[in-house]
Amino acid sequence: MINYAPFWETLKNSNENWYTLTSKHHLSHSTLHRLKHGQDISMKTVNDLCQILNCRIEDIAEYVPSQTDQKL
């Protein structure tokens, strides 16, 4: 499972917030809602967030093994 807790910490430590992400950087409310609720987002969105927040992928998301992961 992908955990987006690092994103919220990175956002908190940046000069950005929910408002600037949506108004200045044109991220959709839907995208932020998906992050808030641990739902999937695209790699393009991860790229955009890394660029906006000047951070690495690990500062946005982390993989946490889960019993609900798809069996491969």
PDB file of N, CA and C in Angstrom:
ATOM      1  N   MET A   1       0.845  -1.174   0.000  1.00  0.00           N
ATOM      2  CA  MET A   1       0.000   0.000   0.000  1.00  0.00           C
ATOM      3  C   MET A   1       0.891   1.239   0.000  1.00  0.00           C
ATOM      4  N   ILE A   2       0.461   2.250  -0.678  1.00  0.00           N
ATOM      5  CA  ILE A   2       1.206   3.504  -0.729  1.00  0.00           C
ATOM      6  C   ILE A   2       0.653   4.440   0.336  1.00  0.00           C
ATOM      7  N   ASN A   3       1.548   4.963   1.147  1.00  0.00           N
ATOM      8  CA  ASN A   3       1.186   5.870   2.235  1.00  0.00           C
ATOM      9  C   ASN A   3       1.665   7.275   1.861  1.00  0.00           C
ATOM     10  N   TYR A   4       0.774   8.246   1.943  1.00  0.00           N
ATOM     11  CA  TYR A   4       1.118   9.618   1.577  1.00  0.00           C
ATOM     12  C   TYR A   4       1.413  10.504   2.783  1.00  0.00           C
ATOM     13  N   ALA A   5       1.619   9.921   3.948  1.00  0.00           N
ATOM     14  CA  ALA A   5       1.953  10.710   5.143  1.00  0.00           C
ATOM     15  C   ALA A   5       3.186  11.595   4.920  1.00  0.00           C
ATOM     16  N   PRO A   6       4.215  11.107   4.214  1.00  0.00           N
ATOM     17  CA  PRO A   6       5.368  11.994   3.984  1.00  0.00           C
ATOM     18  C   PRO A   6       4.996  13.279   3.240  1.00  0.00           C
ATOM     19  N   PHE A   7       4.012  13.201   2.347  1.00  0.00           N
ATOM     20  CA  PHE A   7       3.587  14.393   1.606  1.00  0.00           C
ATOM     21  C   PHE A   7       3.106  15.475   2.557  1.00  0.00           C
ATOM     22  N   TRP A   8       2.282  15.096   3.526  1.00  0.00           N
ATOM     23  CA  TRP A   8       1.705  16.093   4.428  1.00  0.00           C
ATOM     24  C   TRP A   8       2.784  16.743   5.292  1.00  0.00           C
ATOM     25  N   GLU A   9       3.778  15.977   5.682  1.00  0.00           N
ATOM     26  CA  GLU A   9       4.899  16.528   6.452  1.00  0.00           C
ATOM     27  C   GLU A   9       5.731  17.458   5.570  1.00  0.00           C
ATOM     28  N   THR A  10       5.979  17.053   4.335  1.00  0.00           N
ATOM     29  CA  THR A  10       6.728  17.882   3.398  1.00  0.00           C
ATOM     30  C   THR A  10       5.982  19.176   3.118  1.00  0.00           C
ATOM     31  N   LEU A  11       4.677  19.075   2.914  1.00  0.00           N
ATOM     32  CA  LEU A  11       3.860  20.267   2.672  1.00  0.00           C
ATOM     33  C   LEU A  11       3.912  21.203   3.872  1.00  0.00           C
ATOM     34  N   LYS A  12       3.803  20.660   5.061  1.00  0.00           N
ATOM     35  CA  LYS A  12       3.832  21.457   6.293  1.00  0.00           C
ATOM     36  C   LYS A  12       5.145  22.227   6.421  1.00  0.00           C
ATOM     37  N   ASN A  13       6.240  21.606   5.985  1.00  0.00           N
ATOM     38  CA  ASN A  13       7.563  22.231   6.109  1.00  0.00           C
ATOM     39  C   ASN A  13       7.925  23.122   4.922  1.00  0.00           C
ATOM     40  N   SER A  14       7.002  23.283   3.999  1.00  0.00           N
ATOM     41  CA  SER A  14       7.268  24.104   2.809  1.00  0.00           C
ATOM     42  C   SER A  14       6.568  25.458   2.939  1.00  0.00           C
ATOM     43  N   ASN A  15       6.727  26.260   1.904  1.00  0.00           N
ATOM     44  CA  ASN A  15       6.033  27.558   1.849  1.00  0.00           C
ATOM     45  C   ASN A  15       4.684  27.433   1.156  1.00  0.00           C
ATOM     46  N   GLU A  16       4.283  26.211   0.851  1.00  0.00           N
ATOM     47  CA  GLU A  16       3.027  25.962   0.145  1.00  0.00           C
ATOM     48  C   GLU A  16       1.964  25.465   1.121  1.00  0.00           C
ATOM     49  N   ASN A  17       0.727  25.496   0.681  1.00  0.00           N
ATOM     50  CA  ASN A  17      -0.386  24.930   1.447  1.00  0.00           C
ATOM     51  C   ASN A  17      -1.470  24.497   0.471  1.00  0.00           C
ATOM     52  N   TRP A  18      -2.558  23.955   1.006  1.00  0.00           N
ATOM     53  CA  TRP A  18      -3.656  23.461   0.160  1.00  0.00           C
ATOM     54  C   TRP A  18      -4.096  24.551  -0.807  1.00  0.00           C
ATOM     55  N   TYR A  19      -4.252  25.770  -0.315  1.00  0.00           N
ATOM     56  CA  TYR A  19      -4.723  26.874  -1.147  1.00  0.00           C
ATOM     57  C   TYR A  19      -3.756  27.166  -2.296  1.00  0.00           C
ATOM     58  N   THR A  20      -2.458  27.273  -2.016  1.00  0.00           N
ATOM     59  CA  THR A  20      -1.511  27.600  -3.086  1.00  0.00           C
ATOM     60  C   THR A  20      -1.366  26.449  -4.078  1.00  0.00           C
ATOM     61  N   LEU A  21      -1.483  25.219  -3.584  1.00  0.00           N
ATOM     62  CA  LEU A  21      -1.411  24.085  -4.514  1.00  0.00           C
ATOM     63  C   LEU A  21      -2.551  24.130  -5.521  1.00  0.00           C
ATOM     64  N   THR A  22      -3.733  24.533  -5.066  1.00  0.00           N
ATOM     65  CA  THR A  22      -4.877  24.568  -5.983  1.00  0.00           C
ATOM     66  C   THR A  22      -4.943  25.858  -6.793  1.00  0.00           C
ATOM     67  N   SER A  23      -4.679  26.991  -6.178  1.00  0.00           N
ATOM     68  CA  SER A  23      -4.839  28.253  -6.904  1.00  0.00           C
ATOM     69  C   SER A  23      -3.607  28.636  -7.722  1.00  0.00           C
ATOM     70  N   LYS A  24      -2.439  28.542  -7.141  1.00  0.00           N
ATOM     71  CA  LYS A  24      -1.212  28.965  -7.828  1.00  0.00           C
ATOM     72  C   LYS A  24      -0.676  27.882  -8.765  1.00  0.00           C
ATOM     73  N   HIS A  25      -0.735  26.624  -8.319  1.00  0.00           N
ATOM     74  CA  HIS A  25      -0.136  25.527  -9.084  1.00  0.00           C
ATOM     75  C   HIS A  25      -1.167  24.680  -9.836  1.00  0.00           C
ATOM     76  N   HIS A  26      -2.430  25.011  -9.674  1.00  0.00           N
ATOM     77  CA  HIS A  26      -3.531  24.401 -10.429  1.00  0.00           C
ATOM     78  C   HIS A  26      -3.709  22.904 -10.222  1.00  0.00           C
ATOM     79  N   LEU A  27      -3.361  22.416  -9.029  1.00  0.00           N
ATOM     80  CA  LEU A  27      -3.708  21.028  -8.694  1.00  0.00           C
ATOM     81  C   LEU A  27      -5.190  21.005  -8.351  1.00  0.00           C
ATOM     82  N   SER A  28      -5.849  19.938  -8.693  1.00  0.00           N
ATOM     83  CA  SER A  28      -7.283  19.882  -8.437  1.00  0.00           C
ATOM     84  C   SER A  28      -7.565  19.532  -6.977  1.00  0.00           C
ATOM     85  N   HIS A  29      -8.718  19.973  -6.506  1.00  0.00           N
ATOM     86  CA  HIS A  29      -9.172  19.612  -5.154  1.00  0.00           C
ATOM     87  C   HIS A  29      -9.310  18.093  -5.072  1.00  0.00           C
ATOM     88  N   SER A  30      -9.703  17.501  -6.169  1.00  0.00           N
ATOM     89  CA  SER A  30      -9.856  16.048  -6.237  1.00  0.00           C
ATOM     90  C   SER A  30      -8.530  15.338  -5.965  1.00  0.00           C
ATOM     91  N   THR A  31      -7.446  15.850  -6.525  1.00  0.00           N
ATOM     92  CA  THR A  31      -6.125  15.255  -6.307  1.00  0.00           C
ATOM     93  C   THR A  31      -5.742  15.339  -4.835  1.00  0.00           C
ATOM     94  N   LEU A  32      -5.943  16.488  -4.227  1.00  0.00           N
ATOM     95  CA  LEU A  32      -5.607  16.637  -2.809  1.00  0.00           C
ATOM     96  C   LEU A  32      -6.514  15.776  -1.938  1.00  0.00           C
ATOM     97  N   HIS A  33      -7.759  15.635  -2.337  1.00  0.00           N
ATOM     98  CA  HIS A  33      -8.678  14.750  -1.621  1.00  0.00           C
ATOM     99  C   HIS A  33      -8.173  13.307  -1.693  1.00  0.00           C
ATOM    100  N   ARG A  34      -7.712  12.902  -2.863  1.00  0.00           N
ATOM    101  CA  ARG A  34      -7.189  11.542  -3.038  1.00  0.00           C
ATOM    102  C   ARG A  34      -5.956  11.328  -2.144  1.00  0.00           C
ATOM    103  N   LEU A  35      -5.083  12.308  -2.072  1.00  0.00           N
ATOM    104  CA  LEU A  35      -3.916  12.210  -1.195  1.00  0.00           C
ATOM    105  C   LEU A  35      -4.344  12.099   0.266  1.00  0.00           C
ATOM    106  N   LYS A  36      -5.296  12.916   0.638  1.00  0.00           N
ATOM    107  CA  LYS A  36      -5.768  12.937   2.027  1.00  0.00           C
ATOM    108  C   LYS A  36      -6.350  11.600   2.446  1.00  0.00           C
ATOM    109  N   HIS A  37      -6.987  10.915   1.496  1.00  0.00           N
ATOM    110  CA  HIS A  37      -7.674   9.660   1.804  1.00  0.00           C
ATOM    111  C   HIS A  37      -6.889   8.425   1.343  1.00  0.00           C
ATOM    112  N   GLY A  38      -5.610   8.616   1.011  1.00  0.00           N
ATOM    113  CA  GLY A  38      -4.743   7.488   0.668  1.00  0.00           C
ATOM    114  C   GLY A  38      -5.120   6.766  -0.605  1.00  0.00           C
ATOM    115  N   GLN A  39      -5.737   7.474  -1.534  1.00  0.00           N
ATOM    116  CA  GLN A  39      -6.123   6.875  -2.805  1.00  0.00           C
ATOM    117  C   GLN A  39      -5.021   7.098  -3.839  1.00  0.00           C
ATOM    118  N   ASP A  40      -5.081   6.343  -4.920  1.00  0.00           N
ATOM    119  CA  ASP A  40      -4.053   6.418  -5.957  1.00  0.00           C
ATOM    120  C   ASP A  40      -3.997   7.791  -6.627  1.00  0.00           C
ATOM    121  N   ILE A  41      -2.774   8.208  -6.936  1.00  0.00           N
ATOM    122  CA  ILE A  41      -2.551   9.382  -7.772  1.00  0.00           C
ATOM    123  C   ILE A  41      -1.557   8.971  -8.864  1.00  0.00           C
ATOM    124  N   SER A  42      -1.496   9.737  -9.918  1.00  0.00           N
ATOM    125  CA  SER A  42      -0.619   9.378 -11.039  1.00  0.00           C
ATOM    126  C   SER A  42       0.830   9.764 -10.743  1.00  0.00           C
ATOM    127  N   MET A  43       1.730   9.138 -11.479  1.00  0.00           N
ATOM    128  CA  MET A  43       3.144   9.489 -11.356  1.00  0.00           C
ATOM    129  C   MET A  43       3.391  10.903 -11.884  1.00  0.00           C
ATOM    130  N   LYS A  44       2.575  11.358 -12.819  1.00  0.00           N
ATOM    131  CA  LYS A  44       2.689  12.742 -13.281  1.00  0.00           C
ATOM    132  C   LYS A  44       2.412  13.694 -12.132  1.00  0.00           C
ATOM    133  N   THR A  45       1.409  13.371 -11.318  1.00  0.00           N
ATOM    134  CA  THR A  45       1.090  14.199 -10.155  1.00  0.00           C
ATOM    135  C   THR A  45       2.232  14.162  -9.148  1.00  0.00           C
ATOM    136  N   VAL A  46       2.804  12.983  -8.924  1.00  0.00           N
ATOM    137  CA  VAL A  46       3.953  12.878  -8.015  1.00  0.00           C
ATOM    138  C   VAL A  46       5.093  13.746  -8.553  1.00  0.00           C
ATOM    139  N   ASN A  47       5.342  13.686  -9.852  1.00  0.00           N
ATOM    140  CA  ASN A  47       6.376  14.517 -10.478  1.00  0.00           C
ATOM    141  C   ASN A  47       6.086  16.002 -10.247  1.00  0.00           C
ATOM    142  N   ASP A  48       4.845  16.408 -10.485  1.00  0.00           N
ATOM    143  CA  ASP A  48       4.463  17.811 -10.287  1.00  0.00           C
ATOM    144  C   ASP A  48       4.675  18.240  -8.837  1.00  0.00           C
ATOM    145  N   LEU A  49       4.276  17.386  -7.898  1.00  0.00           N
ATOM    146  CA  LEU A  49       4.441  17.714  -6.477  1.00  0.00           C
ATOM    147  C   LEU A  49       5.914  17.833  -6.107  1.00  0.00           C
ATOM    148  N   CYS A  50       6.736  16.939  -6.628  1.00  0.00           N
ATOM    149  CA  CYS A  50       8.178  17.010  -6.366  1.00  0.00           C
ATOM    150  C   CYS A  50       8.762  18.311  -6.912  1.00  0.00           C
ATOM    151  N   GLN A  51       8.306  18.706  -8.075  1.00  0.00           N
ATOM    152  CA  GLN A  51       8.790  19.956  -8.673  1.00  0.00           C
ATOM    153  C   GLN A  51       8.320  21.157  -7.848  1.00  0.00           C
ATOM    154  N   ILE A  52       7.060  21.186  -7.492  1.00  0.00           N
ATOM    155  CA  ILE A  52       6.503  22.303  -6.718  1.00  0.00           C
ATOM    156  C   ILE A  52       7.172  22.417  -5.353  1.00  0.00           C
ATOM    157  N   LEU A  53       7.331  21.282  -4.688  1.00  0.00           N
ATOM    158  CA  LEU A  53       7.852  21.283  -3.316  1.00  0.00           C
ATOM    159  C   LEU A  53       9.371  21.135  -3.262  1.00  0.00           C
ATOM    160  N   ASN A  54       9.995  20.999  -4.446  1.00  0.00           N
ATOM    161  CA  ASN A  54      11.449  20.831  -4.526  1.00  0.00           C
ATOM    162  C   ASN A  54      11.907  19.699  -3.596  1.00  0.00           C
ATOM    163  N   CYS A  55      11.343  18.516  -3.844  1.00  0.00           N
ATOM    164  CA  CYS A  55      11.629  17.377  -2.975  1.00  0.00           C
ATOM    165  C   CYS A  55      11.797  16.103  -3.794  1.00  0.00           C
ATOM    166  N   ARG A  56      12.062  15.010  -3.110  1.00  0.00           N
ATOM    167  CA  ARG A  56      12.233  13.703  -3.742  1.00  0.00           C
ATOM    168  C   ARG A  56      10.935  12.906  -3.627  1.00  0.00           C
ATOM    169  N   ILE A  57      10.825  11.848  -4.397  1.00  0.00           N
ATOM    170  CA  ILE A  57       9.637  10.989  -4.355  1.00  0.00           C
ATOM    171  C   ILE A  57       9.386  10.500  -2.933  1.00  0.00           C
ATOM    172  N   GLU A  58      10.441  10.141  -2.216  1.00  0.00           N
ATOM    173  CA  GLU A  58      10.294   9.633  -0.847  1.00  0.00           C
ATOM    174  C   GLU A  58       9.684  10.667   0.093  1.00  0.00           C
ATOM    175  N   ASP A  59       9.724  11.939  -0.303  1.00  0.00           N
ATOM    176  CA  ASP A  59       9.115  12.994   0.501  1.00  0.00           C
ATOM    177  C   ASP A  59       7.623  13.141   0.213  1.00  0.00           C
ATOM    178  N   ILE A  60       7.136  12.374  -0.759  1.00  0.00           N
ATOM    179  CA  ILE A  60       5.726  12.408  -1.143  1.00  0.00           C
ATOM    180  C   ILE A  60       5.005  11.133  -0.702  1.00  0.00           C
ATOM    181  N   ALA A  61       5.654   9.987  -0.902  1.00  0.00           N
ATOM    182  CA  ALA A  61       4.979   8.711  -0.632  1.00  0.00           C
ATOM    183  C   ALA A  61       5.977   7.654  -0.190  1.00  0.00           C
ATOM    184  N   GLU A  62       5.445   6.632   0.471  1.00  0.00           N
ATOM    185  CA  GLU A  62       6.259   5.482   0.853  1.00  0.00           C
ATOM    186  C   GLU A  62       5.425   4.213   0.699  1.00  0.00           C
ATOM    187  N   TYR A  63       6.124   3.120   0.417  1.00  0.00           N
ATOM    188  CA  TYR A  63       5.454   1.833   0.320  1.00  0.00           C
ATOM    189  C   TYR A  63       5.449   1.182   1.698  1.00  0.00           C
ATOM    190  N   VAL A  64       4.264   0.742   2.113  1.00  0.00           N
ATOM    191  CA  VAL A  64       4.107   0.033   3.379  1.00  0.00           C
ATOM    192  C   VAL A  64       3.409  -1.288   3.064  1.00  0.00           C
ATOM    193  N   PRO A  65       4.065  -2.424   3.313  1.00  0.00           N
ATOM    194  CA  PRO A  65       3.409  -3.712   3.050  1.00  0.00           C
ATOM    195  C   PRO A  65       2.085  -3.809   3.813  1.00  0.00           C
ATOM    196  N   SER A  66       1.107  -4.420   3.157  1.00  0.00           N
ATOM    197  CA  SER A  66      -0.223  -4.514   3.749  1.00  0.00           C
ATOM    198  C   SER A  66      -0.881  -5.827   3.367  1.00  0.00           C
ATOM    199  N   GLN A  67      -1.738  -6.318   4.228  1.00  0.00           N
ATOM    200  CA  GLN A  67      -2.508  -7.526   3.951  1.00  0.00           C
ATOM    201  C   GLN A  67      -3.483  -7.318   2.794  1.00  0.00           C
ATOM    202  N   THR A  68      -3.822  -6.072   2.511  1.00  0.00           N
ATOM    203  CA  THR A  68      -4.776  -5.781   1.440  1.00  0.00           C
ATOM    204  C   THR A  68      -4.101  -5.606   0.085  1.00  0.00           C
ATOM    205  N   ASP A  69      -2.759  -5.716   0.045  1.00  0.00           N
ATOM    206  CA  ASP A  69      -2.056  -5.626  -1.242  1.00  0.00           C
ATOM    207  C   ASP A  69      -2.521  -6.740  -2.176  1.00  0.00           C
ATOM    208  N   GLN A  70      -2.536  -6.420  -3.437  1.00  0.00           N
ATOM    209  CA  GLN A  70      -2.901  -7.402  -4.477  1.00  0.00           C
ATOM    210  C   GLN A  70      -1.906  -8.548  -4.465  1.00  0.00           C
ATOM    211  N   LYS A  71      -2.396  -9.755  -4.540  1.00  0.00           N
ATOM    212  CA  LYS A  71      -1.518 -10.940  -4.625  1.00  0.00           C
ATOM    213  C   LYS A  71      -0.913 -10.991  -6.019  1.00  0.00           C
ATOM    214  N   LEU A  72       0.381 -11.212  -6.086  1.00  0.00           N
ATOM    215  CA  LEU A  72       1.066 -11.273  -7.375  1.00  0.00           C
ATOM    216  C   LEU A  72       1.459 -12.701  -7.696  1.00  0.00           C
TER     217      LEU A  72
END
